[in-house]
Amino acid sequence: MTGIRPDGAASLVISEATIDSRQVIPASMFVALPGERVDGHDYIGDAFRRGAHLALVGRDLSAQFTCVDLRGGQLPAGFSVPQGPFCLWVDDPLTALQQTARFWRRQLNLRVIGITGSVGKSTTKELVSEVLSRRYRTLKSPGNLNNEIGLPLSILRLGPGHERAVLEMGFFVPGEISFLCDIALPQVGVVTNVGTVHAERAGSQEVIAQGKSELVQALPAGPEGVAILNYDDPWVRPMAAKTQARVFYYGMDPEADLWADRVEGLGLEGIRFRLNYRQEALHLRVPLIGRHSVHTALRAAAVGLVEGLSWSEIVSGMQHGHTQLRLVAVHSAQGALILDDTYNASPESTLAALNLLSEIDGRKVAVLGEMLELGQYERQGHEMVGVRVAEVCSELVTLGQRGCIIADAARRAGMNPKHITCFDEIEAVTDYLKTHLHEGDVVLIKGSHGLRMDRIVSGLEPKR
């Protein structure tokens, strides 16, 4: 991207932007953001040593670096680009980052696909990108850069040669997705589902649904804009009334534009299903884990269809993509198969993981931690999980006080109390499992990210 092109001065070409000096590449822009633990202003020297061309800063650093005062939005009279790295002193570095991304997006001729939802955003983003990459030069937002910082950083990775961008959009408070859309200008919006995660901050599923619908409200009218909606989700389907864009439904219902049936879970070998569109039917097998992943496949196929791809391109992208980001299968020192799904947890994603566990042969053990930020749905969400555990598992191990809600629900649903154990500490869970797991066991380990249950997995893996 071109960062600065003042009249009468040479252009300054910027490769990308970053807020972490360790990730600086030559010709990048470093954005110095103050944080709770560290202040980006303390790392400007490191960023320059690694090759950054400029830094956006929120204070006068002219005693240490070449510093140009851009407060108020105007370059000094007679400005010319300095020979070496320099600082741009702005009113607020984050606002400046967002304004830069907003400007740069409007210089590019490409289509943006925005993806939001309570569960499945990242995996959907990955698979959609794989599909679109079969024909178009496509950029996807890396990792989970889906907020007011991450999305602008993703946009500043775009170049004139890109034809499609697939951007994840997170939701925490009303108005956030609308703000992100004003920066990104999506023409296609994909909504995965509306769950209870973040209800503690948002307040209710109604508020979450309203927040997610901001994506489809921002889409352009006419043939250019397309809202791709989950027909099976009662919160998502009505969003059709809130958009001027063309609506494309996907789901398991034949009333949807694109729908699937004959779904068969193959455990860790993927899923098999039939895809139905108009008068066509395709029998597919894709390397996505769990029956719930059929919705991910439907979303990727839907984007491919509305973006003009052929079925051969869509199927190729789905079958060759490496999209199983979160769940990893490893073996413990005792020979048990561990399904490491410790990245995060909500009632919806935990139920999906338990459904996958039910498809795999072996004695089934669930190691489940607390699910955070559920607000008014906290007890209901944990109890739903506990009931499903009783239907699927031979043993349950929980972590944390909220984990006891899962244990109580499993017990009431008929699970033998002798096979339910509750702990408050990671170390206690790990020690227990080391002596209670055996070869042939299949163990699901899942909990909210803040619990750091990945430490349990590390403690169970063979020492190298």
Protein backbone atom coordinates (compact mmCIF):
# COMPACT_ATOMS: atom_id res chain seq x y z
CA MET A 1 0.00 0.00 0.00
CA THR A 2 1.05 3.63 -0.43
CA GLY A 3 1.08 5.28 2.98
CA ILE A 4 1.91 8.90 2.14
CA ARG A 5 1.91 10.69 -1.17
CA PRO A 6 2.03 14.44 -0.39
CA ASP A 7 1.96 16.88 -3.29
CA GLY A 8 5.42 17.54 -4.64
CA ALA A 9 7.02 14.83 -2.51
CA ALA A 10 8.18 11.33 -3.22
CA SER A 11 5.85 8.48 -2.40
CA LEU A 12 6.43 6.37 0.68
CA VAL A 13 5.48 2.77 0.04
CA ILE A 14 4.28 0.77 3.05
CA SER A 15 4.18 -3.04 2.87
CA GLU A 16 1.78 -3.60 5.78
CA ALA A 17 1.02 -2.47 9.33
CA THR A 18 1.62 -4.16 12.66
CA ILE A 19 1.24 -3.41 16.38
CA ASP A 20 3.93 -5.93 17.40
CA SER A 21 7.53 -4.91 16.75
CA ARG A 22 8.52 -8.58 16.58
CA GLN A 23 6.32 -8.96 13.49
CA VAL A 24 7.79 -6.00 11.62
CA ILE A 25 8.91 -6.72 8.07
CA PRO A 26 10.87 -4.30 5.87
CA ALA A 27 8.89 -1.23 4.76
CA SER A 28 6.06 -1.81 7.23
CA MET A 29 4.25 0.71 9.43
CA PHE A 30 4.45 0.20 13.18
CA VAL A 31 1.45 1.41 15.20
CA ALA A 32 2.38 2.25 18.78
CA LEU A 33 -0.65 1.38 20.90
CA PRO A 34 -0.64 1.71 24.69
CA GLY A 35 -1.78 -1.48 26.40
CA GLU A 36 -2.54 -2.71 29.88
CA ARG A 37 0.86 -4.37 30.30
CA VAL A 38 3.09 -2.88 27.61
CA ASP A 39 3.21 0.36 25.64
CA GLY A 40 4.01 0.17 21.96
CA HIS A 41 5.90 3.46 22.22
CA ASP A 42 8.63 1.58 24.10
CA TYR A 43 9.30 -0.61 21.06
CA ILE A 44 9.62 1.96 18.29
CA GLY A 45 13.40 1.63 18.19
CA ASP A 46 13.08 -2.13 17.82
CA ALA A 47 10.56 -1.67 15.00
CA PHE A 48 12.90 0.68 13.13
CA ARG A 49 15.83 -1.71 13.56
CA ARG A 50 13.70 -4.44 11.98
CA GLY A 51 12.98 -2.28 8.94
CA ALA A 52 9.81 -0.30 9.63
CA HIS A 53 9.57 2.84 7.49
CA LEU A 54 7.41 4.77 9.92
CA ALA A 55 5.58 4.60 13.22
CA LEU A 56 2.22 6.07 14.20
CA VAL A 57 2.71 7.53 17.68
CA GLY A 58 0.56 9.39 20.17
CA ARG A 59 3.20 11.58 21.79
CA ASP A 60 6.12 13.84 20.88
CA LEU A 61 9.19 11.66 20.41
CA SER A 62 11.30 14.21 18.54
CA ALA A 63 14.05 13.90 21.17
CA GLN A 64 14.61 10.28 20.11
CA PHE A 65 13.46 9.99 16.50
CA THR A 66 12.63 12.07 13.47
CA CYS A 67 9.07 13.07 14.31
CA VAL A 68 6.47 14.73 12.06
CA ASP A 69 3.53 16.44 13.77
CA LEU A 70 0.35 15.25 12.01
CA ARG A 71 -2.06 16.18 14.78
CA GLY A 72 -5.16 17.73 13.27
CA GLY A 73 -4.66 15.74 10.08
CA GLN A 74 -2.48 18.22 8.18
CA LEU A 75 1.11 17.68 7.11
CA PRO A 76 3.46 20.59 7.82
CA ALA A 77 3.95 23.09 4.99
CA GLY A 78 6.74 22.05 2.66
CA PHE A 79 6.80 18.51 4.04
CA SER A 80 8.99 15.97 2.28
CA VAL A 81 9.43 12.34 3.21
CA PRO A 82 12.47 11.94 5.52
CA GLN A 83 15.35 9.82 4.31
CA GLY A 84 15.21 7.33 7.17
CA PRO A 85 12.49 5.90 9.42
CA PHE A 86 10.36 8.45 11.20
CA CYS A 87 7.38 8.90 13.49
CA LEU A 88 4.03 10.42 12.60
CA TRP A 89 2.67 12.11 15.72
CA VAL A 90 -1.14 11.80 15.58
CA ASP A 91 -3.96 12.52 17.99
CA ASP A 92 -4.65 8.81 18.49
CA PRO A 93 -2.66 5.98 16.83
CA LEU A 94 -5.62 3.56 16.79
CA THR A 95 -7.92 6.08 15.13
CA ALA A 96 -5.17 6.90 12.63
CA LEU A 97 -4.76 3.18 11.86
CA GLN A 98 -8.50 2.84 11.26
CA GLN A 99 -8.63 5.95 9.07
CA THR A 100 -5.67 4.72 7.03
CA ALA A 101 -7.35 1.34 6.47
CA ARG A 102 -10.62 3.04 5.54
CA PHE A 103 -8.83 5.22 2.98
CA TRP A 104 -6.84 2.32 1.53
CA ARG A 105 -9.88 0.08 1.15
CA ARG A 106 -11.50 2.73 -1.04
CA GLN A 107 -8.52 2.77 -3.40
CA LEU A 108 -8.90 -0.93 -4.20
CA ASN A 109 -11.12 -2.59 -6.77
CA LEU A 110 -12.00 -5.90 -5.17
CA ARG A 111 -14.85 -7.73 -3.47
CA VAL A 112 -14.86 -8.20 0.29
CA ILE A 113 -16.56 -11.12 1.99
CA GLY A 114 -17.38 -10.40 5.64
CA ILE A 115 -18.03 -13.29 8.02
CA THR A 116 -19.63 -13.08 11.45
CA GLY A 117 -21.42 -15.38 13.89
CA SER A 118 -21.10 -16.84 17.36
CA VAL A 119 -19.39 -20.09 16.33
CA GLY A 120 -17.49 -21.14 13.24
CA LYS A 121 -16.21 -17.79 11.93
CA SER A 122 -12.54 -18.74 11.67
CA THR A 123 -13.06 -22.16 10.11
CA THR A 124 -15.55 -20.67 7.66
CA LYS A 125 -13.08 -17.92 6.77
CA GLU A 126 -10.37 -20.49 6.08
CA LEU A 127 -12.55 -22.70 3.88
CA VAL A 128 -14.11 -19.78 1.99
CA SER A 129 -10.61 -18.51 1.28
CA GLU A 130 -9.53 -21.92 0.01
CA VAL A 131 -12.50 -22.06 -2.34
CA LEU A 132 -12.11 -18.54 -3.70
CA SER A 133 -8.36 -19.04 -4.16
CA ARG A 134 -9.10 -21.60 -6.86
CA ARG A 135 -9.87 -18.67 -9.19
CA TYR A 136 -9.10 -15.36 -7.49
CA ARG A 137 -6.07 -13.87 -5.78
CA THR A 138 -7.50 -13.91 -2.26
CA LEU A 139 -6.40 -12.46 1.06
CA LYS A 140 -7.85 -13.69 4.34
CA SER A 141 -7.56 -12.05 7.75
CA PRO A 142 -4.83 -13.95 9.61
CA GLY A 143 -5.63 -15.73 12.86
CA ASN A 144 -8.54 -14.12 14.65
CA LEU A 145 -7.80 -10.49 13.69
CA ASN A 146 -11.49 -9.59 13.69
CA ASN A 147 -11.87 -6.48 15.84
CA GLU A 148 -11.30 -2.73 15.64
CA ILE A 149 -7.53 -3.32 15.60
CA GLY A 150 -7.21 -6.59 13.72
CA LEU A 151 -9.50 -5.79 10.80
CA PRO A 152 -7.67 -2.57 9.81
CA LEU A 153 -4.37 -4.46 10.02
CA SER A 154 -5.80 -7.11 7.67
CA ILE A 155 -6.98 -4.50 5.16
CA LEU A 156 -3.54 -2.90 5.10
CA ARG A 157 -2.15 -6.24 3.87
CA LEU A 158 -4.16 -5.85 0.67
CA GLY A 159 -2.48 -4.85 -2.57
CA PRO A 160 -3.78 -3.76 -5.98
CA GLY A 161 -3.41 -7.33 -7.26
CA HIS A 162 -5.90 -8.82 -4.81
CA GLU A 163 -9.33 -9.69 -6.21
CA ARG A 164 -11.08 -10.97 -3.08
CA ALA A 165 -10.68 -10.42 0.66
CA VAL A 166 -12.23 -12.70 3.29
CA LEU A 167 -12.50 -10.86 6.61
CA GLU A 168 -13.74 -12.17 9.94
CA MET A 169 -15.81 -9.70 11.98
CA GLY A 170 -16.20 -10.18 15.72
CA PHE A 171 -18.95 -8.82 17.95
CA PHE A 172 -18.77 -7.66 21.54
CA VAL A 173 -21.00 -4.58 21.73
CA PRO A 174 -23.72 -3.10 19.48
CA GLY A 175 -22.34 -0.91 16.73
CA GLU A 176 -19.00 -2.70 16.49
CA ILE A 177 -19.73 -4.65 13.30
CA SER A 178 -21.30 -1.56 11.71
CA PHE A 179 -18.06 0.28 12.45
CA LEU A 180 -15.97 -2.52 10.91
CA CYS A 181 -18.18 -2.57 7.81
CA ASP A 182 -17.66 1.16 7.33
CA ILE A 183 -13.94 0.43 7.10
CA ALA A 184 -14.12 -2.77 5.02
CA LEU A 185 -17.12 -2.11 2.70
CA PRO A 186 -18.15 -5.78 2.33
CA GLN A 187 -20.27 -6.75 -0.67
CA VAL A 188 -20.95 -10.27 0.62
CA GLY A 189 -21.94 -11.00 4.21
CA VAL A 190 -21.99 -14.49 5.75
CA VAL A 191 -23.72 -15.10 9.10
CA THR A 192 -22.95 -18.47 10.69
CA ASN A 193 -25.25 -18.54 13.73
CA VAL A 194 -26.29 -16.68 16.87
CA GLY A 195 -25.33 -18.33 20.13
CA THR A 196 -24.88 -17.30 23.75
CA VAL A 197 -21.15 -16.57 23.75
CA HIS A 198 -20.47 -12.93 24.83
CA ALA A 199 -23.98 -12.67 26.28
CA GLU A 200 -22.36 -11.48 29.52
CA ARG A 201 -21.29 -8.30 27.71
CA ALA A 202 -24.06 -8.03 25.12
CA GLY A 203 -26.90 -8.93 27.50
CA SER A 204 -29.04 -11.38 25.52
CA GLN A 205 -29.30 -13.39 22.33
CA GLU A 206 -31.63 -10.71 20.97
CA VAL A 207 -28.88 -8.12 21.35
CA ILE A 208 -26.31 -10.51 19.85
CA ALA A 209 -28.58 -11.13 16.85
CA GLN A 210 -29.04 -7.38 16.37
CA GLY A 211 -25.30 -6.91 16.48
CA LYS A 212 -24.62 -9.67 13.94
CA SER A 213 -27.30 -8.26 11.64
CA GLU A 214 -25.26 -5.08 11.29
CA LEU A 215 -23.22 -6.94 8.67
CA VAL A 216 -26.16 -7.61 6.36
CA GLN A 217 -27.54 -4.11 6.94
CA ALA A 218 -24.27 -2.67 5.61
CA LEU A 219 -24.32 -4.63 2.34
CA PRO A 220 -25.03 -2.79 -0.92
CA ALA A 221 -28.38 -3.17 -2.68
CA GLY A 222 -28.88 -4.80 -6.04
CA PRO A 223 -26.87 -7.62 -7.62
CA GLU A 224 -23.59 -6.43 -6.07
CA GLY A 225 -24.61 -7.27 -2.51
CA VAL A 226 -25.38 -10.77 -1.21
CA ALA A 227 -26.38 -11.82 2.32
CA ILE A 228 -25.60 -15.51 2.91
CA LEU A 229 -27.78 -16.60 5.83
CA ASN A 230 -28.18 -19.78 7.89
CA TYR A 231 -31.75 -20.94 7.20
CA ASP A 232 -31.59 -23.38 10.13
CA ASP A 233 -30.89 -20.72 12.76
CA PRO A 234 -34.08 -19.00 14.01
CA TRP A 235 -32.09 -15.88 14.88
CA VAL A 236 -30.32 -15.64 11.52
CA ARG A 237 -33.13 -16.43 9.08
CA PRO A 238 -35.14 -13.25 9.88
CA MET A 239 -32.10 -11.09 9.08
CA ALA A 240 -33.30 -11.25 5.46
CA ALA A 241 -35.74 -8.48 6.33
CA LYS A 242 -32.88 -6.21 7.43
CA THR A 243 -30.83 -6.14 4.25
CA GLN A 244 -31.14 -4.49 0.86
CA ALA A 245 -28.85 -7.15 -0.60
CA ARG A 246 -29.92 -10.34 -2.36
CA VAL A 247 -30.49 -13.14 0.16
CA PHE A 248 -28.96 -16.58 -0.31
CA TYR A 249 -30.01 -19.18 2.26
CA TYR A 250 -28.04 -22.30 3.17
CA GLY A 251 -28.92 -25.09 5.60
CA MET A 252 -30.34 -28.56 6.04
CA ASP A 253 -33.86 -27.59 4.97
CA PRO A 254 -34.92 -28.08 1.32
CA GLU A 255 -36.45 -24.60 1.51
CA ALA A 256 -32.92 -23.15 1.52
CA ASP A 257 -31.25 -22.18 -1.76
CA LEU A 258 -28.34 -24.55 -1.02
CA TRP A 259 -28.98 -27.47 1.28
CA ALA A 260 -27.42 -30.71 2.44
CA ASP A 261 -28.80 -34.10 3.41
CA ARG A 262 -27.56 -37.67 3.93
CA VAL A 263 -24.90 -36.36 6.32
CA GLU A 264 -22.58 -39.03 7.69
CA GLY A 265 -19.88 -38.37 10.27
CA LEU A 266 -16.69 -40.34 9.66
CA GLY A 267 -14.97 -39.41 12.90
CA LEU A 268 -11.48 -38.04 12.29
CA GLU A 269 -11.75 -39.04 8.63
CA GLY A 270 -14.15 -36.20 7.83
CA ILE A 271 -17.80 -36.07 6.75
CA ARG A 272 -19.83 -37.32 3.81
CA PHE A 273 -23.02 -35.64 2.56
CA ARG A 274 -25.12 -34.73 -0.46
CA LEU A 275 -25.17 -31.13 -1.63
CA ASN A 276 -28.35 -29.88 -3.35
CA TYR A 277 -28.62 -26.75 -5.47
CA ARG A 278 -31.47 -26.12 -7.88
CA GLN A 279 -31.70 -29.27 -9.98
CA GLU A 280 -28.19 -30.48 -9.13
CA ALA A 281 -27.03 -32.93 -6.46
CA LEU A 282 -23.42 -33.68 -5.59
CA HIS A 283 -22.16 -36.41 -3.30
CA LEU A 284 -19.13 -35.13 -1.38
CA ARG A 285 -16.61 -36.22 1.19
CA VAL A 286 -14.57 -33.44 2.78
CA PRO A 287 -11.85 -33.44 5.49
CA LEU A 288 -13.86 -31.46 8.05
CA ILE A 289 -14.25 -33.01 11.49
CA GLY A 290 -17.74 -33.49 12.93
CA ARG A 291 -21.23 -33.56 11.43
CA HIS A 292 -21.74 -29.92 12.41
CA SER A 293 -19.03 -29.03 9.87
CA VAL A 294 -21.51 -29.57 7.06
CA HIS A 295 -22.65 -25.99 7.70
CA THR A 296 -19.07 -24.78 7.19
CA ALA A 297 -18.99 -26.61 3.85
CA LEU A 298 -22.35 -25.10 2.88
CA ARG A 299 -21.13 -21.59 3.65
CA ALA A 300 -17.99 -22.05 1.55
CA ALA A 301 -19.99 -23.49 -1.33
CA ALA A 302 -22.51 -20.66 -1.11
CA VAL A 303 -19.78 -18.02 -1.37
CA GLY A 304 -18.26 -19.89 -4.29
CA LEU A 305 -21.59 -19.95 -6.10
CA VAL A 306 -22.39 -16.28 -5.64
CA GLU A 307 -18.84 -15.38 -6.73
CA GLY A 308 -19.22 -17.31 -9.97
CA LEU A 309 -17.06 -20.37 -9.34
CA SER A 310 -17.69 -23.70 -11.02
CA TRP A 311 -18.59 -26.79 -9.04
CA SER A 312 -15.18 -28.30 -9.81
CA GLU A 313 -13.46 -25.24 -8.30
CA ILE A 314 -15.72 -25.26 -5.23
CA VAL A 315 -15.26 -28.98 -4.58
CA SER A 316 -11.50 -28.76 -5.12
CA GLY A 317 -11.22 -25.95 -2.57
CA MET A 318 -13.28 -27.82 0.03
CA GLN A 319 -11.42 -31.09 -0.38
CA HIS A 320 -7.90 -29.72 -0.34
CA GLY A 321 -8.22 -26.98 2.24
CA HIS A 322 -6.54 -27.31 5.64
CA THR A 323 -9.29 -25.70 7.66
CA GLN A 324 -9.55 -27.66 10.92
CA LEU A 325 -8.00 -24.87 12.97
CA ARG A 326 -9.07 -25.57 16.49
CA LEU A 327 -9.39 -29.27 17.18
CA VAL A 328 -6.17 -31.29 17.07
CA ALA A 329 -5.89 -35.05 17.65
CA VAL A 330 -2.84 -36.21 19.65
CA HIS A 331 -2.00 -39.27 21.74
CA SER A 332 -1.25 -39.34 25.45
CA ALA A 333 1.70 -41.18 26.94
CA GLN A 334 -0.78 -43.92 27.91
CA GLY A 335 -1.97 -44.33 24.30
CA ALA A 336 -5.32 -42.57 24.66
CA LEU A 337 -6.52 -40.47 21.74
CA ILE A 338 -6.89 -36.84 22.86
CA LEU A 339 -9.12 -34.42 21.01
CA ASP A 340 -7.49 -31.10 21.89
CA ASP A 341 -10.24 -28.49 21.49
CA THR A 342 -8.91 -26.13 24.14
CA TYR A 343 -8.90 -22.93 22.08
CA ASN A 344 -12.27 -21.81 23.44
CA ALA A 345 -15.72 -23.05 24.41
CA SER A 346 -19.38 -22.12 24.21
CA PRO A 347 -22.43 -24.35 24.71
CA GLU A 348 -22.87 -24.62 20.93
CA SER A 349 -19.27 -25.54 20.16
CA THR A 350 -19.05 -27.94 23.11
CA LEU A 351 -22.19 -29.80 22.03
CA ALA A 352 -20.70 -30.07 18.52
CA ALA A 353 -17.46 -31.47 19.96
CA LEU A 354 -19.41 -34.02 22.02
CA ASN A 355 -21.26 -35.06 18.88
CA LEU A 356 -17.91 -35.68 17.21
CA LEU A 357 -16.78 -37.68 20.23
CA SER A 358 -19.86 -39.87 19.84
CA GLU A 359 -18.73 -40.84 16.32
CA ILE A 360 -15.35 -42.25 17.41
CA ASP A 361 -14.88 -45.78 18.73
CA GLY A 362 -13.48 -46.21 22.23
CA ARG A 363 -14.25 -45.42 25.87
CA LYS A 364 -15.33 -41.80 25.77
CA VAL A 365 -14.03 -39.34 28.37
CA ALA A 366 -15.02 -35.66 28.50
CA VAL A 367 -12.70 -33.23 30.27
CA LEU A 368 -14.65 -29.99 30.33
CA GLY A 369 -13.90 -26.62 31.84
CA GLU A 370 -15.98 -23.56 32.50
CA MET A 371 -17.61 -21.68 29.63
CA LEU A 372 -17.20 -17.97 30.30
CA GLU A 373 -19.09 -14.82 29.25
CA LEU A 374 -22.50 -16.53 28.97
CA GLY A 375 -24.30 -14.00 31.17
CA GLN A 376 -27.90 -14.97 31.85
CA TYR A 377 -27.41 -18.21 29.88
CA GLU A 378 -24.65 -19.49 32.17
CA ARG A 379 -26.61 -22.17 34.04
CA GLN A 380 -28.70 -23.18 31.03
CA GLY A 381 -25.64 -23.52 28.79
CA HIS A 382 -23.66 -25.64 31.24
CA GLU A 383 -26.67 -27.86 31.99
CA MET A 384 -27.29 -28.51 28.27
CA VAL A 385 -23.72 -29.72 27.97
CA GLY A 386 -24.06 -31.93 31.04
CA VAL A 387 -27.13 -33.68 29.63
CA ARG A 388 -25.31 -34.44 26.39
CA VAL A 389 -22.28 -35.74 28.29
CA ALA A 390 -24.52 -38.27 30.03
CA GLU A 391 -25.74 -39.49 26.62
CA VAL A 392 -22.29 -39.80 25.06
CA CYS A 393 -19.58 -40.39 27.66
CA SER A 394 -18.40 -43.08 30.04
CA GLU A 395 -16.52 -40.61 32.25
CA LEU A 396 -16.65 -36.88 32.97
CA VAL A 397 -13.93 -34.71 34.50
CA THR A 398 -14.67 -31.00 35.08
CA LEU A 399 -12.57 -27.96 35.91
CA GLY A 400 -13.77 -24.93 37.86
CA GLN A 401 -16.92 -23.96 39.74
CA ARG A 402 -19.07 -23.69 36.63
CA GLY A 403 -17.82 -27.13 35.63
CA CYS A 404 -19.73 -28.44 38.63
CA ILE A 405 -22.96 -27.31 36.92
CA ILE A 406 -22.07 -29.63 34.02
CA ALA A 407 -21.36 -32.44 36.50
CA ASP A 408 -24.65 -31.96 38.37
CA ALA A 409 -26.64 -31.97 35.12
CA ALA A 410 -24.88 -35.13 33.90
CA ARG A 411 -25.64 -36.83 37.21
CA ARG A 412 -29.33 -35.86 37.04
CA ALA A 413 -29.45 -37.13 33.45
CA GLY A 414 -28.43 -40.59 34.61
CA MET A 415 -24.63 -40.68 34.54
CA ASN A 416 -23.06 -42.82 37.28
CA PRO A 417 -21.73 -40.46 39.99
CA LYS A 418 -18.69 -42.74 40.39
CA HIS A 419 -17.63 -41.70 36.89
CA ILE A 420 -17.87 -37.95 37.53
CA THR A 421 -14.94 -36.04 39.09
CA CYS A 422 -14.64 -32.29 39.66
CA PHE A 423 -11.43 -30.32 40.15
CA ASP A 424 -10.47 -26.68 40.73
CA GLU A 425 -6.86 -26.82 39.49
CA ILE A 426 -5.26 -27.69 36.15
CA GLU A 427 -2.52 -29.69 37.84
CA ALA A 428 -5.04 -31.88 39.69
CA VAL A 429 -6.86 -32.67 36.44
CA THR A 430 -3.60 -33.59 34.71
CA ASP A 431 -2.43 -35.83 37.56
CA TYR A 432 -5.79 -37.59 37.67
CA LEU A 433 -5.84 -38.27 33.95
CA LYS A 434 -2.29 -39.63 33.96
CA THR A 435 -3.44 -42.48 36.20
CA HIS A 436 -6.94 -43.02 34.76
CA LEU A 437 -6.46 -42.99 30.99
CA HIS A 438 -5.74 -46.14 29.03
CA GLU A 439 -5.02 -47.18 25.48
CA GLY A 440 -8.24 -47.12 23.47
CA ASP A 441 -9.76 -44.21 25.39
CA VAL A 442 -10.96 -41.18 23.41
CA VAL A 443 -10.68 -37.97 25.43
CA LEU A 444 -12.25 -34.60 24.59
CA ILE A 445 -10.55 -31.69 26.39
CA LYS A 446 -12.41 -28.40 26.03
CA GLY A 447 -12.97 -25.17 27.96
CA SER A 448 -12.83 -21.40 27.66
CA HIS A 449 -9.52 -19.97 26.53
CA GLY A 450 -8.92 -18.19 29.82
CA LEU A 451 -8.62 -21.51 31.65
CA ARG A 452 -5.55 -22.49 29.56
CA MET A 453 -6.61 -26.12 29.38
CA ASP A 454 -3.98 -26.64 26.68
CA ARG A 455 -1.65 -27.18 29.66
CA ILE A 456 -3.53 -30.40 30.39
CA VAL A 457 -2.83 -31.64 26.87
CA SER A 458 0.85 -30.72 27.18
CA GLY A 459 1.05 -32.56 30.47
CA LEU A 460 -0.42 -35.74 28.98
CA GLU A 461 1.66 -35.90 25.82
CA PRO A 462 4.74 -38.18 25.79
CA LYS A 463 7.93 -36.48 26.93
CA ARG A 464 10.46 -35.95 24.16
